[in-house]
């Protein structure tokens, strides 16, 4: 009996809960920005619930890659990492995914749109 509980205890000691399922695969079809916003919210909650956020970054990235699915893995492989160290840095991974899915805001264009809006009467 004690041997059967050992993996469960080890998992709990590391902060990982075995009964929490992995997030669903990231949907790369449709509105990529909206899909990313939903998925990353679920991912961050998953990290907190399982204690993964307190684990080494390499484990976090490996779990992230396991969760995203094969279509998103192709995107992940093509992200502009500048070094192998960045590939193992969870914060950098999330930043590059954010830039890929949502992009950066063009401040000049956003100002232009704001200035040229017409007020409804």
Protein backbone atom coordinates (compact mmCIF):
# COMPACT_ATOMS: atom_id res chain seq x y z
CA UNK A 1 0.00 0.00 0.00
CA UNK A 2 2.79 2.41 0.91
CA UNK A 3 4.50 1.74 -2.46
CA UNK A 4 1.28 2.54 -4.33
CA UNK A 5 0.96 5.91 -2.60
CA UNK A 6 4.59 6.89 -3.16
CA UNK A 7 4.15 8.33 -6.71
CA UNK A 8 1.10 10.27 -5.56
CA UNK A 9 2.94 11.64 -2.54
CA UNK A 10 5.95 12.54 -4.67
CA UNK A 11 3.68 14.35 -7.11
CA UNK A 12 1.99 16.29 -4.32
CA UNK A 13 5.32 17.10 -2.68
CA UNK A 14 6.44 18.66 -5.97
CA UNK A 15 3.23 20.66 -6.08
CA UNK A 16 1.75 18.76 -9.02
CA UNK A 17 -1.77 17.39 -8.73
CA UNK A 18 -2.26 14.21 -10.74
CA UNK A 19 -6.06 14.60 -10.98
CA UNK A 20 -5.93 17.96 -12.82
CA UNK A 21 -6.11 17.38 -16.55
CA UNK A 22 -3.91 19.22 -19.00
CA UNK A 23 -5.39 22.22 -20.83
CA UNK A 24 -6.88 21.46 -24.24
CA UNK A 25 -4.73 21.89 -27.31
CA UNK A 26 -4.36 25.45 -28.58
CA UNK A 27 -6.72 26.12 -31.49
CA UNK A 28 -4.71 27.71 -34.33
CA UNK A 29 -7.76 28.13 -36.57
CA UNK A 30 -10.18 31.06 -36.50
CA UNK A 31 -9.46 34.21 -34.53
CA UNK A 32 -5.93 33.56 -33.33
CA UNK A 33 -5.84 36.55 -30.95
CA UNK A 34 -9.11 35.60 -29.23
CA UNK A 35 -8.11 31.93 -29.05
CA UNK A 36 -4.75 32.88 -27.52
CA UNK A 37 -6.30 35.16 -24.88
CA UNK A 38 -8.60 32.37 -23.72
CA UNK A 39 -5.98 29.65 -23.88
CA UNK A 40 -3.26 31.57 -22.04
CA UNK A 41 -5.74 32.40 -19.26
CA UNK A 42 -6.45 28.68 -18.86
CA UNK A 43 -2.72 27.91 -19.02
CA UNK A 44 -1.87 30.39 -16.25
CA UNK A 45 -4.63 29.03 -14.04
CA UNK A 46 -3.40 25.48 -14.72
CA UNK A 47 0.12 26.46 -13.66
CA UNK A 48 -1.14 27.90 -10.38
CA UNK A 49 -3.51 25.03 -9.57
CA UNK A 50 -0.86 22.39 -10.19
CA UNK A 51 2.03 24.31 -8.65
CA UNK A 52 3.81 24.24 -11.99
CA UNK A 53 4.50 27.97 -11.65
CA UNK A 54 6.94 27.14 -8.82
CA UNK A 55 8.80 24.53 -10.87
CA UNK A 56 11.94 25.10 -12.97
CA UNK A 57 11.33 26.92 -16.24
CA UNK A 58 12.49 23.95 -18.32
CA UNK A 59 9.73 21.78 -16.83
CA UNK A 60 7.16 24.53 -17.40
CA UNK A 61 8.18 24.91 -21.06
CA UNK A 62 8.14 21.13 -21.58
CA UNK A 63 4.62 20.95 -20.14
CA UNK A 64 3.55 23.91 -22.28
CA UNK A 65 4.84 22.17 -25.42
CA UNK A 66 3.03 18.99 -24.40
CA UNK A 67 -0.24 20.93 -24.06
CA UNK A 68 -0.27 23.08 -27.19
CA UNK A 69 -0.68 20.27 -29.70
CA UNK A 70 0.97 19.45 -33.03
CA UNK A 71 -0.38 22.41 -35.06
CA UNK A 72 0.77 24.93 -32.47
CA UNK A 73 4.08 23.09 -32.09
CA UNK A 74 4.90 24.05 -35.68
CA UNK A 75 4.33 27.69 -34.75
CA UNK A 76 6.39 27.28 -31.58
CA UNK A 77 9.30 25.84 -33.51
CA UNK A 78 9.28 28.87 -35.83
CA UNK A 79 9.23 31.53 -33.10
CA UNK A 80 12.27 33.86 -33.18
CA UNK A 81 14.20 32.61 -30.16
CA UNK A 82 17.68 34.15 -30.05
CA UNK A 83 19.23 31.32 -28.04
CA UNK A 84 18.60 27.89 -26.56
CA UNK A 85 18.34 29.53 -23.13
CA UNK A 86 15.37 31.55 -24.39
CA UNK A 87 13.69 28.35 -25.60
CA UNK A 88 13.73 27.13 -21.98
CA UNK A 89 12.55 30.42 -20.45
CA UNK A 90 8.79 30.31 -19.86
CA UNK A 91 8.43 34.09 -19.68
CA UNK A 92 10.15 34.48 -23.06
CA UNK A 93 8.05 31.69 -24.56
CA UNK A 94 4.83 33.41 -23.47
CA UNK A 95 6.10 36.79 -24.71
CA UNK A 96 6.91 35.41 -28.17
CA UNK A 97 3.57 33.63 -28.37
CA UNK A 98 1.81 36.84 -27.35
CA UNK A 99 3.65 38.75 -30.09
CA UNK A 100 2.83 36.07 -32.64
CA UNK A 101 -0.87 35.76 -31.82
CA UNK A 102 -1.78 39.32 -30.99
CA UNK A 103 1.13 41.32 -32.36
CA UNK A 104 2.30 44.65 -31.22
CA UNK A 105 0.07 47.70 -31.19
CA UNK A 106 0.90 50.32 -33.79
CA UNK A 107 0.57 53.45 -31.63
CA UNK A 108 0.63 55.86 -34.56
CA UNK A 109 -2.18 54.03 -36.33
CA UNK A 110 -4.26 53.77 -33.16
CA UNK A 111 -3.90 57.53 -32.61
CA UNK A 112 -4.93 58.14 -36.21
CA UNK A 113 -8.06 56.03 -35.75
CA UNK A 114 -8.89 57.82 -32.51
CA UNK A 115 -8.44 61.32 -33.95
CA UNK A 116 -10.54 60.51 -37.01
CA UNK A 117 -13.50 59.02 -35.16
CA UNK A 118 -16.77 60.80 -35.58
CA UNK A 119 -18.91 61.38 -32.54
CA UNK A 120 -22.45 60.13 -32.81
CA UNK A 121 -25.09 62.77 -32.17
